[in-house]
Amino acid sequence: MMIRLRTESLRQFQKRATQLTTNTLLPILTNLKLSYSGDICTLTKNNIGAVIVGQVEATGDACNILINERIFFAIVSSSKQEFIEIQSCKRLHRAKRTVLQECTLNMELTAKRLLQ
């Protein structure tokens, strides 16, 4: 699984999404949902009281994933690249990790490198 998203479009979504307080009482709500199909990736942030939805042009493989909001936005904010790619690791998949764990692990490693 791989999705390629334009960084500037993600920054525009981030500006809107950060206006919505993150609900930490339910751990699932600390994640963003990315649904990719066709040429559009739909990003969704939900805190039970409100929902923000954005659409970004993308390329890659059709999928639905959850990504930790804090880590994802740290990467988006600090990226100097035109595109951000989210890619699963088959090696981790064989270790029976979920797509969320794969993406979160990859993003944590990338965030650590970017923020050092």
PDB file of N, CA and C in Angstrom:
ATOM      1  N   MET A   1       0.836  -1.172   0.000  1.00  0.00           N
ATOM      2  CA  MET A   1       0.000   0.000   0.000  1.00  0.00           C
ATOM      3  C   MET A   1       0.881   1.236   0.000  1.00  0.00           C
ATOM      4  N   MET A   2       0.552   2.190  -0.855  1.00  0.00           N
ATOM      5  CA  MET A   2       1.279   3.447  -0.924  1.00  0.00           C
ATOM      6  C   MET A   2       0.321   4.532  -1.394  1.00  0.00           C
ATOM      7  N   ILE A   3       0.395   5.685  -0.732  1.00  0.00           N
ATOM      8  CA  ILE A   3      -0.373   6.862  -1.160  1.00  0.00           C
ATOM      9  C   ILE A   3       0.614   8.019  -1.252  1.00  0.00           C
ATOM     10  N   ARG A   4       0.499   8.793  -2.313  1.00  0.00           N
ATOM     11  CA  ARG A   4       1.353   9.965  -2.506  1.00  0.00           C
ATOM     12  C   ARG A   4       0.456  11.201  -2.502  1.00  0.00           C
ATOM     13  N   LEU A   5       0.721  12.125  -1.551  1.00  0.00           N
ATOM     14  CA  LEU A   5      -0.125  13.306  -1.345  1.00  0.00           C
ATOM     15  C   LEU A   5       0.700  14.576  -1.469  1.00  0.00           C
ATOM     16  N   ARG A   6       0.104  15.621  -2.020  1.00  0.00           N
ATOM     17  CA  ARG A   6       0.801  16.912  -2.160  1.00  0.00           C
ATOM     18  C   ARG A   6       0.884  17.570  -0.776  1.00  0.00           C
ATOM     19  N   THR A   7       2.088  17.940  -0.370  1.00  0.00           N
ATOM     20  CA  THR A   7       2.329  18.501   0.957  1.00  0.00           C
ATOM     21  C   THR A   7       1.541  19.789   1.187  1.00  0.00           C
ATOM     22  N   GLU A   8       1.495  20.668   0.219  1.00  0.00           N
ATOM     23  CA  GLU A   8       0.788  21.947   0.399  1.00  0.00           C
ATOM     24  C   GLU A   8      -0.705  21.727   0.647  1.00  0.00           C
ATOM     25  N   SER A   9      -1.303  20.773  -0.033  1.00  0.00           N
ATOM     26  CA  SER A   9      -2.720  20.455   0.192  1.00  0.00           C
ATOM     27  C   SER A   9      -2.930  19.917   1.605  1.00  0.00           C
ATOM     28  N   LEU A  10      -1.989  19.114   2.087  1.00  0.00           N
ATOM     29  CA  LEU A  10      -2.077  18.593   3.447  1.00  0.00           C
ATOM     30  C   LEU A  10      -1.946  19.713   4.472  1.00  0.00           C
ATOM     31  N   ARG A  11      -1.114  20.704   4.187  1.00  0.00           N
ATOM     32  CA  ARG A  11      -0.968  21.854   5.095  1.00  0.00           C
ATOM     33  C   ARG A  11      -2.266  22.654   5.169  1.00  0.00           C
ATOM     34  N   GLN A  12      -2.950  22.785   4.047  1.00  0.00           N
ATOM     35  CA  GLN A  12      -4.236  23.484   4.057  1.00  0.00           C
ATOM     36  C   GLN A  12      -5.253  22.732   4.910  1.00  0.00           C
ATOM     37  N   PHE A  13      -5.288  21.404   4.787  1.00  0.00           N
ATOM     38  CA  PHE A  13      -6.184  20.608   5.626  1.00  0.00           C
ATOM     39  C   PHE A  13      -5.773  20.728   7.092  1.00  0.00           C
ATOM     40  N   GLN A  14      -4.486  20.735   7.358  1.00  0.00           N
ATOM     41  CA  GLN A  14      -3.982  20.834   8.728  1.00  0.00           C
ATOM     42  C   GLN A  14      -4.460  22.131   9.389  1.00  0.00           C
ATOM     43  N   LYS A  15      -4.431  23.247   8.663  1.00  0.00           N
ATOM     44  CA  LYS A  15      -4.894  24.528   9.221  1.00  0.00           C
ATOM     45  C   LYS A  15      -6.343  24.429   9.668  1.00  0.00           C
ATOM     46  N   ARG A  16      -7.176  23.798   8.857  1.00  0.00           N
ATOM     47  CA  ARG A  16      -8.591  23.630   9.220  1.00  0.00           C
ATOM     48  C   ARG A  16      -8.759  22.634  10.354  1.00  0.00           C
ATOM     49  N   ALA A  17      -8.031  21.528  10.283  1.00  0.00           N
ATOM     50  CA  ALA A  17      -8.209  20.444  11.255  1.00  0.00           C
ATOM     51  C   ALA A  17      -7.730  20.832  12.652  1.00  0.00           C
ATOM     52  N   THR A  18      -6.695  21.652  12.746  1.00  0.00           N
ATOM     53  CA  THR A  18      -6.189  22.022  14.068  1.00  0.00           C
ATOM     54  C   THR A  18      -7.129  22.971  14.803  1.00  0.00           C
ATOM     55  N   GLN A  19      -8.120  23.506  14.123  1.00  0.00           N
ATOM     56  CA  GLN A  19      -9.122  24.336  14.791  1.00  0.00           C
ATOM     57  C   GLN A  19     -10.099  23.474  15.597  1.00  0.00           C
ATOM     58  N   LEU A  20     -10.133  22.185  15.318  1.00  0.00           N
ATOM     59  CA  LEU A  20     -11.006  21.241  16.009  1.00  0.00           C
ATOM     60  C   LEU A  20     -10.204  20.554  17.118  1.00  0.00           C
ATOM     61  N   THR A  21     -10.628  20.730  18.351  1.00  0.00           N
ATOM     62  CA  THR A  21      -9.930  20.139  19.491  1.00  0.00           C
ATOM     63  C   THR A  21      -9.925  18.616  19.388  1.00  0.00           C
ATOM     64  N   THR A  22      -8.775  18.023  19.657  1.00  0.00           N
ATOM     65  CA  THR A  22      -8.658  16.568  19.624  1.00  0.00           C
ATOM     66  C   THR A  22      -9.245  15.974  20.898  1.00  0.00           C
ATOM     67  N   ASN A  23     -10.082  14.968  20.743  1.00  0.00           N
ATOM     68  CA  ASN A  23     -10.684  14.269  21.875  1.00  0.00           C
ATOM     69  C   ASN A  23      -9.750  13.139  22.291  1.00  0.00           C
ATOM     70  N   THR A  24      -9.130  13.273  23.465  1.00  0.00           N
ATOM     71  CA  THR A  24      -8.185  12.247  23.917  1.00  0.00           C
ATOM     72  C   THR A  24      -8.846  11.215  24.831  1.00  0.00           C
ATOM     73  N   LEU A  25     -10.124  11.405  25.145  1.00  0.00           N
ATOM     74  CA  LEU A  25     -10.817  10.428  25.988  1.00  0.00           C
ATOM     75  C   LEU A  25     -10.995   9.094  25.273  1.00  0.00           C
ATOM     76  N   LEU A  26     -11.188   9.155  23.968  1.00  0.00           N
ATOM     77  CA  LEU A  26     -11.277   7.949  23.153  1.00  0.00           C
ATOM     78  C   LEU A  26     -10.043   7.906  22.260  1.00  0.00           C
ATOM     79  N   PRO A  27      -9.134   6.975  22.500  1.00  0.00           N
ATOM     80  CA  PRO A  27      -7.871   6.934  21.750  1.00  0.00           C
ATOM     81  C   PRO A  27      -8.043   6.918  20.231  1.00  0.00           C
ATOM     82  N   ILE A  28      -9.102   6.322  19.727  1.00  0.00           N
ATOM     83  CA  ILE A  28      -9.310   6.270  18.270  1.00  0.00           C
ATOM     84  C   ILE A  28      -9.436   7.671  17.672  1.00  0.00           C
ATOM     85  N   LEU A  29      -9.889   8.629  18.468  1.00  0.00           N
ATOM     86  CA  LEU A  29     -10.101   9.986  17.967  1.00  0.00           C
ATOM     87  C   LEU A  29      -8.820  10.809  17.908  1.00  0.00           C
ATOM     88  N   THR A  30      -7.692  10.228  18.273  1.00  0.00           N
ATOM     89  CA  THR A  30      -6.410  10.920  18.094  1.00  0.00           C
ATOM     90  C   THR A  30      -5.821  10.624  16.716  1.00  0.00           C
ATOM     91  N   ASN A  31      -6.600   9.911  15.892  1.00  0.00           N
ATOM     92  CA  ASN A  31      -6.160   9.535  14.551  1.00  0.00           C
ATOM     93  C   ASN A  31      -6.957  10.260  13.487  1.00  0.00           C
ATOM     94  N   LEU A  32      -6.340  10.409  12.333  1.00  0.00           N
ATOM     95  CA  LEU A  32      -7.027  10.891  11.135  1.00  0.00           C
ATOM     96  C   LEU A  32      -7.355   9.680  10.279  1.00  0.00           C
ATOM     97  N   LYS A  33      -8.475   9.747   9.591  1.00  0.00           N
ATOM     98  CA  LYS A  33      -8.816   8.680   8.651  1.00  0.00           C
ATOM     99  C   LYS A  33      -8.471   9.164   7.246  1.00  0.00           C
ATOM    100  N   LEU A  34      -7.747   8.345   6.511  1.00  0.00           N
ATOM    101  CA  LEU A  34      -7.452   8.616   5.112  1.00  0.00           C
ATOM    102  C   LEU A  34      -8.123   7.540   4.281  1.00  0.00           C
ATOM    103  N   SER A  35      -8.990   7.961   3.379  1.00  0.00           N
ATOM    104  CA  SER A  35      -9.668   7.034   2.456  1.00  0.00           C
ATOM    105  C   SER A  35      -9.272   7.435   1.049  1.00  0.00           C
ATOM    106  N   TYR A  36      -8.580   6.536   0.378  1.00  0.00           N
ATOM    107  CA  TYR A  36      -8.114   6.860  -0.971  1.00  0.00           C
ATOM    108  C   TYR A  36      -8.764   5.932  -1.992  1.00  0.00           C
ATOM    109  N   SER A  37      -9.316   6.551  -3.027  1.00  0.00           N
ATOM    110  CA  SER A  37      -9.918   5.814  -4.136  1.00  0.00           C
ATOM    111  C   SER A  37      -9.929   6.739  -5.344  1.00  0.00           C
ATOM    112  N   GLY A  38      -9.599   6.211  -6.502  1.00  0.00           N
ATOM    113  CA  GLY A  38      -9.562   7.052  -7.698  1.00  0.00           C
ATOM    114  C   GLY A  38      -8.388   8.011  -7.621  1.00  0.00           C
ATOM    115  N   ASP A  39      -8.673   9.299  -7.780  1.00  0.00           N
ATOM    116  CA  ASP A  39      -7.625  10.316  -7.703  1.00  0.00           C
ATOM    117  C   ASP A  39      -7.747  11.186  -6.461  1.00  0.00           C
ATOM    118  N   ILE A  40      -8.658  10.849  -5.553  1.00  0.00           N
ATOM    119  CA  ILE A  40      -8.933  11.689  -4.393  1.00  0.00           C
ATOM    120  C   ILE A  40      -8.713  10.918  -3.097  1.00  0.00           C
ATOM    121  N   CYS A  41      -8.016  11.563  -2.170  1.00  0.00           N
ATOM    122  CA  CYS A  41      -7.868  11.036  -0.817  1.00  0.00           C
ATOM    123  C   CYS A  41      -8.707  11.923   0.098  1.00  0.00           C
ATOM    124  N   THR A  42      -9.633  11.315   0.810  1.00  0.00           N
ATOM    125  CA  THR A  42     -10.485  12.050   1.748  1.00  0.00           C
ATOM    126  C   THR A  42      -9.894  11.900   3.141  1.00  0.00           C
ATOM    127  N   LEU A  43      -9.601  13.041   3.778  1.00  0.00           N
ATOM    128  CA  LEU A  43      -9.058  13.049   5.131  1.00  0.00           C
ATOM    129  C   LEU A  43     -10.177  13.468   6.080  1.00  0.00           C
ATOM    130  N   THR A  44     -10.302  12.756   7.201  1.00  0.00           N
ATOM    131  CA  THR A  44     -11.369  13.034   8.152  1.00  0.00           C
ATOM    132  C   THR A  44     -10.806  13.138   9.561  1.00  0.00           C
ATOM    133  N   LYS A  45     -11.177  14.227  10.253  1.00  0.00           N
ATOM    134  CA  LYS A  45     -10.858  14.385  11.670  1.00  0.00           C
ATOM    135  C   LYS A  45     -12.184  14.476  12.410  1.00  0.00           C
ATOM    136  N   ASN A  46     -12.299  13.733  13.516  1.00  0.00           N
ATOM    137  CA  ASN A  46     -13.549  13.650  14.256  1.00  0.00           C
ATOM    138  C   ASN A  46     -13.245  13.759  15.745  1.00  0.00           C
ATOM    139  N   ASN A  47     -14.025  14.570  16.469  1.00  0.00           N
ATOM    140  CA  ASN A  47     -13.878  14.596  17.926  1.00  0.00           C
ATOM    141  C   ASN A  47     -15.220  14.336  18.611  1.00  0.00           C
ATOM    142  N   ILE A  48     -16.105  13.665  17.964  1.00  0.00           N
ATOM    143  CA  ILE A  48     -17.470  13.321  18.356  1.00  0.00           C
ATOM    144  C   ILE A  48     -18.406  14.518  18.249  1.00  0.00           C
ATOM    145  N   GLY A  49     -17.968  15.693  18.681  1.00  0.00           N
ATOM    146  CA  GLY A  49     -18.819  16.876  18.596  1.00  0.00           C
ATOM    147  C   GLY A  49     -18.847  17.504  17.218  1.00  0.00           C
ATOM    148  N   ALA A  50     -17.809  17.277  16.432  1.00  0.00           N
ATOM    149  CA  ALA A  50     -17.714  17.875  15.101  1.00  0.00           C
ATOM    150  C   ALA A  50     -16.805  17.022  14.219  1.00  0.00           C
ATOM    151  N   VAL A  51     -16.955  17.228  12.919  1.00  0.00           N
ATOM    152  CA  VAL A  51     -16.149  16.494  11.937  1.00  0.00           C
ATOM    153  C   VAL A  51     -15.622  17.493  10.912  1.00  0.00           C
ATOM    154  N   ILE A  52     -14.372  17.331  10.549  1.00  0.00           N
ATOM    155  CA  ILE A  52     -13.792  18.121   9.453  1.00  0.00           C
ATOM    156  C   ILE A  52     -13.347  17.133   8.392  1.00  0.00           C
ATOM    157  N   VAL A  53     -13.778  17.385   7.156  1.00  0.00           N
ATOM    158  CA  VAL A  53     -13.440  16.517   6.033  1.00  0.00           C
ATOM    159  C   VAL A  53     -12.755  17.366   4.969  1.00  0.00           C
ATOM    160  N   GLY A  54     -11.665  16.845   4.434  1.00  0.00           N
ATOM    161  CA  GLY A  54     -10.968  17.511   3.347  1.00  0.00           C
ATOM    162  C   GLY A  54     -10.644  16.513   2.259  1.00  0.00           C
ATOM    163  N   GLN A  55     -10.521  17.014   1.043  1.00  0.00           N
ATOM    164  CA  GLN A  55     -10.155  16.149  -0.073  1.00  0.00           C
ATOM    165  C   GLN A  55      -8.885  16.677  -0.715  1.00  0.00           C
ATOM    166  N   VAL A  56      -7.982  15.735  -1.008  1.00  0.00           N
ATOM    167  CA  VAL A  56      -6.670  16.052  -1.554  1.00  0.00           C
ATOM    168  C   VAL A  56      -6.427  15.147  -2.750  1.00  0.00           C
ATOM    169  N   GLU A  57      -5.886  15.709  -3.827  1.00  0.00           N
ATOM    170  CA  GLU A  57      -5.510  14.874  -4.964  1.00  0.00           C
ATOM    171  C   GLU A  57      -4.379  13.948  -4.536  1.00  0.00           C
ATOM    172  N   ALA A  58      -4.426  12.711  -5.010  1.00  0.00           N
ATOM    173  CA  ALA A  58      -3.430  11.731  -4.606  1.00  0.00           C
ATOM    174  C   ALA A  58      -3.232  10.695  -5.698  1.00  0.00           C
ATOM    175  N   THR A  59      -2.170   9.932  -5.551  1.00  0.00           N
ATOM    176  CA  THR A  59      -1.937   8.768  -6.401  1.00  0.00           C
ATOM    177  C   THR A  59      -1.561   7.617  -5.490  1.00  0.00           C
ATOM    178  N   GLY A  60      -1.727   6.404  -5.975  1.00  0.00           N
ATOM    179  CA  GLY A  60      -1.337   5.255  -5.182  1.00  0.00           C
ATOM    180  C   GLY A  60      -2.345   4.131  -5.250  1.00  0.00           C
ATOM    181  N   ASP A  61      -2.392   3.364  -4.168  1.00  0.00           N
ATOM    182  CA  ASP A  61      -3.257   2.189  -4.075  1.00  0.00           C
ATOM    183  C   ASP A  61      -4.476   2.513  -3.227  1.00  0.00           C
ATOM    184  N   ALA A  62      -5.657   2.083  -3.678  1.00  0.00           N
ATOM    185  CA  ALA A  62      -6.891   2.318  -2.924  1.00  0.00           C
ATOM    186  C   ALA A  62      -6.778   1.702  -1.536  1.00  0.00           C
ATOM    187  N   CYS A  63      -7.162   2.470  -0.516  1.00  0.00           N
ATOM    188  CA  CYS A  63      -7.090   1.963   0.854  1.00  0.00           C
ATOM    189  C   CYS A  63      -7.833   2.874   1.813  1.00  0.00           C
ATOM    190  N   ASN A  64      -8.044   2.390   3.013  1.00  0.00           N
ATOM    191  CA  ASN A  64      -8.572   3.154   4.136  1.00  0.00           C
ATOM    192  C   ASN A  64      -7.622   2.911   5.297  1.00  0.00           C
ATOM    193  N   ILE A  65      -7.063   3.993   5.853  1.00  0.00           N
ATOM    194  CA  ILE A  65      -6.128   3.833   6.962  1.00  0.00           C
ATOM    195  C   ILE A  65      -6.380   4.892   8.027  1.00  0.00           C
ATOM    196  N   LEU A  66      -5.919   4.611   9.229  1.00  0.00           N
ATOM    197  CA  LEU A  66      -5.906   5.569  10.326  1.00  0.00           C
ATOM    198  C   LEU A  66      -4.459   5.932  10.604  1.00  0.00           C
ATOM    199  N   ILE A  67      -4.220   7.230  10.828  1.00  0.00           N
ATOM    200  CA  ILE A  67      -2.860   7.700  11.102  1.00  0.00           C
ATOM    201  C   ILE A  67      -2.916   8.635  12.300  1.00  0.00           C
ATOM    202  N   ASN A  68      -1.971   8.477  13.208  1.00  0.00           N
ATOM    203  CA  ASN A  68      -1.899   9.341  14.379  1.00  0.00           C
ATOM    204  C   ASN A  68      -1.773  10.799  13.928  1.00  0.00           C
ATOM    205  N   GLU A  69      -2.711  11.617  14.374  1.00  0.00           N
ATOM    206  CA  GLU A  69      -2.776  13.016  13.944  1.00  0.00           C
ATOM    207  C   GLU A  69      -1.519  13.797  14.311  1.00  0.00           C
ATOM    208  N   ARG A  70      -1.049  13.669  15.531  1.00  0.00           N
ATOM    209  CA  ARG A  70       0.104  14.439  16.003  1.00  0.00           C
ATOM    210  C   ARG A  70       1.348  14.127  15.179  1.00  0.00           C
ATOM    211  N   ILE A  71       1.598  12.869  14.945  1.00  0.00           N
ATOM    212  CA  ILE A  71       2.784  12.465  14.188  1.00  0.00           C
ATOM    213  C   ILE A  71       2.653  12.893  12.731  1.00  0.00           C
ATOM    214  N   PHE A  72       1.475  12.665  12.144  1.00  0.00           N
ATOM    215  CA  PHE A  72       1.258  13.018  10.743  1.00  0.00           C
ATOM    216  C   PHE A  72       1.445  14.514  10.519  1.00  0.00           C
ATOM    217  N   PHE A  73       0.847  15.337  11.382  1.00  0.00           N
ATOM    218  CA  PHE A  73       0.965  16.783  11.208  1.00  0.00           C
ATOM    219  C   PHE A  73       2.375  17.292  11.503  1.00  0.00           C
ATOM    220  N   ALA A  74       3.128  16.603  12.356  1.00  0.00           N
ATOM    221  CA  ALA A  74       4.533  16.975  12.589  1.00  0.00           C
ATOM    222  C   ALA A  74       5.336  16.780  11.314  1.00  0.00           C
ATOM    223  N   ILE A  75       5.066  15.691  10.619  1.00  0.00           N
ATOM    224  CA  ILE A  75       5.757  15.419   9.356  1.00  0.00           C
ATOM    225  C   ILE A  75       5.336  16.429   8.294  1.00  0.00           C
ATOM    226  N   VAL A  76       4.036  16.689   8.190  1.00  0.00           N
ATOM    227  CA  VAL A  76       3.529  17.653   7.204  1.00  0.00           C
ATOM    228  C   VAL A  76       4.140  19.029   7.456  1.00  0.00           C
ATOM    229  N   SER A  77       4.166  19.457   8.710  1.00  0.00           N
ATOM    230  CA  SER A  77       4.689  20.787   9.058  1.00  0.00           C
ATOM    231  C   SER A  77       6.168  20.953   8.731  1.00  0.00           C
ATOM    232  N   SER A  78       6.940  19.906   8.959  1.00  0.00           N
ATOM    233  CA  SER A  78       8.389  20.031   8.799  1.00  0.00           C
ATOM    234  C   SER A  78       8.901  19.602   7.424  1.00  0.00           C
ATOM    235  N   SER A  79       8.038  19.028   6.603  1.00  0.00           N
ATOM    236  CA  SER A  79       8.485  18.518   5.311  1.00  0.00           C
ATOM    237  C   SER A  79       8.854  19.648   4.352  1.00  0.00           C
ATOM    238  N   LYS A  80       9.957  19.462   3.678  1.00  0.00           N
ATOM    239  CA  LYS A  80      10.384  20.396   2.635  1.00  0.00           C
ATOM    240  C   LYS A  80      10.146  19.798   1.244  1.00  0.00           C
ATOM    241  N   GLN A  81       9.550  18.610   1.220  1.00  0.00           N
ATOM    242  CA  GLN A  81       9.285  17.913  -0.032  1.00  0.00           C
ATOM    243  C   GLN A  81       7.942  18.344  -0.617  1.00  0.00           C
ATOM    244  N   GLU A  82       7.808  18.245  -1.924  1.00  0.00           N
ATOM    245  CA  GLU A  82       6.556  18.595  -2.586  1.00  0.00           C
ATOM    246  C   GLU A  82       5.467  17.564  -2.289  1.00  0.00           C
ATOM    247  N   PHE A  83       5.858  16.300  -2.111  1.00  0.00           N
ATOM    248  CA  PHE A  83       4.907  15.226  -1.847  1.00  0.00           C
ATOM    249  C   PHE A  83       5.298  14.465  -0.581  1.00  0.00           C
ATOM    250  N   ILE A  84       4.287  13.915   0.072  1.00  0.00           N
ATOM    251  CA  ILE A  84       4.497  13.013   1.200  1.00  0.00           C
ATOM    252  C   ILE A  84       3.926  11.670   0.792  1.00  0.00           C
ATOM    253  N   GLU A  85       4.715  10.623   1.000  1.00  0.00           N
ATOM    254  CA  GLU A  85       4.267   9.267   0.678  1.00  0.00           C
ATOM    255  C   GLU A  85       4.042   8.489   1.958  1.00  0.00           C
ATOM    256  N   ILE A  86       2.917   7.809   2.009  1.00  0.00           N
ATOM    257  CA  ILE A  86       2.611   6.904   3.114  1.00  0.00           C
ATOM    258  C   ILE A  86       2.713   5.510   2.526  1.00  0.00           C
ATOM    259  N   GLN A  87       3.578   4.721   3.108  1.00  0.00           N
ATOM    260  CA  GLN A  87       3.861   3.411   2.533  1.00  0.00           C
ATOM    261  C   GLN A  87       3.897   2.359   3.629  1.00  0.00           C
ATOM    262  N   SER A  88       3.270   1.231   3.370  1.00  0.00           N
ATOM    263  CA  SER A  88       3.324   0.139   4.343  1.00  0.00           C
ATOM    264  C   SER A  88       4.583  -0.672   4.102  1.00  0.00           C
ATOM    265  N   CYS A  89       4.959  -1.412   5.096  1.00  0.00           N
ATOM    266  CA  CYS A  89       6.153  -2.245   5.012  1.00  0.00           C
ATOM    267  C   CYS A  89       5.714  -3.700   5.081  1.00  0.00           C
ATOM    268  N   LYS A  90       5.915  -4.445   4.011  1.00  0.00           N
ATOM    269  CA  LYS A  90       5.479  -5.844   3.968  1.00  0.00           C
ATOM    270  C   LYS A  90       6.166  -6.677   5.044  1.00  0.00           C
ATOM    271  N   ARG A  91       7.397  -6.327   5.370  1.00  0.00           N
ATOM    272  CA  ARG A  91       8.124  -7.060   6.401  1.00  0.00           C
ATOM    273  C   ARG A  91       7.364  -6.968   7.729  1.00  0.00           C
ATOM    274  N   LEU A  92       6.855  -5.781   8.069  1.00  0.00           N
ATOM    275  CA  LEU A  92       6.090  -5.625   9.303  1.00  0.00           C
ATOM    276  C   LEU A  92       4.747  -6.336   9.189  1.00  0.00           C
ATOM    277  N   HIS A  93       4.175  -6.324   7.971  1.00  0.00           N
ATOM    278  CA  HIS A  93       2.884  -6.975   7.780  1.00  0.00           C
ATOM    279  C   HIS A  93       2.988  -8.469   8.072  1.00  0.00           C
ATOM    280  N   ARG A  94       4.105  -9.070   7.693  1.00  0.00           N
ATOM    281  CA  ARG A  94       4.303 -10.486   7.977  1.00  0.00           C
ATOM    282  C   ARG A  94       4.377 -10.737   9.481  1.00  0.00           C
ATOM    283  N   ALA A  95       4.772  -9.706  10.225  1.00  0.00           N
ATOM    284  CA  ALA A  95       4.843  -9.830  11.682  1.00  0.00           C
ATOM    285  C   ALA A  95       3.464  -9.580  12.310  1.00  0.00           C
ATOM    286  N   LYS A  96       2.438  -9.548  11.452  1.00  0.00           N
ATOM    287  CA  LYS A  96       1.037  -9.401  11.861  1.00  0.00           C
ATOM    288  C   LYS A  96       0.732  -8.066  12.520  1.00  0.00           C
ATOM    289  N   ARG A  97       1.380  -7.010  12.071  1.00  0.00           N
ATOM    290  CA  ARG A  97       1.030  -5.673  12.538  1.00  0.00           C
ATOM    291  C   ARG A  97      -0.100  -5.150  11.660  1.00  0.00           C
ATOM    292  N   THR A  98      -0.911  -4.280  12.212  1.00  0.00           N
ATOM    293  CA  THR A  98      -1.996  -3.702  11.433  1.00  0.00           C
ATOM    294  C   THR A  98      -1.455  -2.571  10.582  1.00  0.00           C
ATOM    295  N   VAL A  99      -2.243  -2.118   9.620  1.00  0.00           N
ATOM    296  CA  VAL A  99      -1.841  -0.990   8.776  1.00  0.00           C
ATOM    297  C   VAL A  99      -1.591   0.233   9.652  1.00  0.00           C
ATOM    298  N   LEU A 100      -2.441   0.440  10.669  1.00  0.00           N
ATOM    299  CA  LEU A 100      -2.250   1.577  11.569  1.00  0.00           C
ATOM    300  C   LEU A 100      -0.903   1.482  12.274  1.00  0.00           C
ATOM    301  N   GLN A 101      -0.550   0.318  12.784  1.00  0.00           N
ATOM    302  CA  GLN A 101       0.733   0.159  13.457  1.00  0.00           C
ATOM    303  C   GLN A 101       1.892   0.372  12.488  1.00  0.00           C
ATOM    304  N   GLU A 102       1.761  -0.140  11.268  1.00  0.00           N
ATOM    305  CA  GLU A 102       2.813   0.021  10.266  1.00  0.00           C
ATOM    306  C   GLU A 102       3.031   1.489   9.963  1.00  0.00           C
ATOM    307  N   CYS A 103       1.946   2.196   9.656  1.00  0.00           N
ATOM    308  CA  CYS A 103       2.063   3.605   9.291  1.00  0.00           C
ATOM    309  C   CYS A 103       2.562   4.431  10.468  1.00  0.00           C
ATOM    310  N   THR A 104       2.046   4.145  11.664  1.00  0.00           N
ATOM    311  CA  THR A 104       2.473   4.897  12.839  1.00  0.00           C
ATOM    312  C   THR A 104       3.949   4.670  13.103  1.00  0.00           C
ATOM    313  N   LEU A 105       4.414   3.439  13.005  1.00  0.00           N
ATOM    314  CA  LEU A 105       5.822   3.140  13.226  1.00  0.00           C
ATOM    315  C   LEU A 105       6.681   3.853  12.195  1.00  0.00           C
ATOM    316  N   ASN A 106       6.318   3.758  10.920  1.00  0.00           N
ATOM    317  CA  ASN A 106       7.084   4.429   9.871  1.00  0.00           C
ATOM    318  C   ASN A 106       7.082   5.940  10.076  1.00  0.00           C
ATOM    319  N   MET A 107       5.929   6.492  10.472  1.00  0.00           N
ATOM    320  CA  MET A 107       5.829   7.933  10.666  1.00  0.00           C
ATOM    321  C   MET A 107       6.607   8.379  11.897  1.00  0.00           C
ATOM    322  N   GLU A 108       6.608   7.582  12.961  1.00  0.00           N
ATOM    323  CA  GLU A 108       7.386   7.931  14.150  1.00  0.00           C
ATOM    324  C   GLU A 108       8.870   7.979  13.817  1.00  0.00           C
ATOM    325  N   LEU A 109       9.340   7.014  13.062  1.00  0.00           N
ATOM    326  CA  LEU A 109      10.746   6.994  12.672  1.00  0.00           C
ATOM    327  C   LEU A 109      11.085   8.193  11.793  1.00  0.00           C
ATOM    328  N   THR A 110      10.206   8.516  10.850  1.00  0.00           N
ATOM    329  CA  THR A 110      10.425   9.671   9.977  1.00  0.00           C
ATOM    330  C   THR A 110      10.381  10.955  10.787  1.00  0.00           C
ATOM    331  N   ALA A 111       9.416  11.078  11.701  1.00  0.00           N
ATOM    332  CA  ALA A 111       9.290  12.277  12.516  1.00  0.00           C
ATOM    333  C   ALA A 111      10.537  12.481  13.372  1.00  0.00           C
ATOM    334  N   LYS A 112      11.059  11.410  13.945  1.00  0.00           N
ATOM    335  CA  LYS A 112      12.269  11.524  14.759  1.00  0.00           C
ATOM    336  C   LYS A 112      13.428  12.047  13.927  1.00  0.00           C
ATOM    337  N   ARG A 113      13.554  11.535  12.705  1.00  0.00           N
ATOM    338  CA  ARG A 113      14.655  12.005  11.830  1.00  0.00           C
ATOM    339  C   ARG A 113      14.462  13.472  11.463  1.00  0.00           C
ATOM    340  N   LEU A 114      13.233  13.881  11.168  1.00  0.00           N
ATOM    341  CA  LEU A 114      12.963  15.259  10.754  1.00  0.00           C
ATOM    342  C   LEU A 114      13.118  16.239  11.898  1.00  0.00           C
ATOM    343  N   LEU A 115      12.740  15.834  13.101  1.00  0.00           N
ATOM    344  CA  LEU A 115      12.718  16.757  14.230  1.00  0.00           C
ATOM    345  C   LEU A 115      14.033  16.801  14.998  1.00  0.00           C
ATOM    346  N   GLN A 116      15.009  15.996  14.610  1.00  0.00           N
ATOM    347  CA  GLN A 116      16.308  16.019  15.297  1.00  0.00           C
ATOM    348  C   GLN A 116      17.162  17.151  14.802  1.00  0.00           C
TER     349      GLN A 116
END
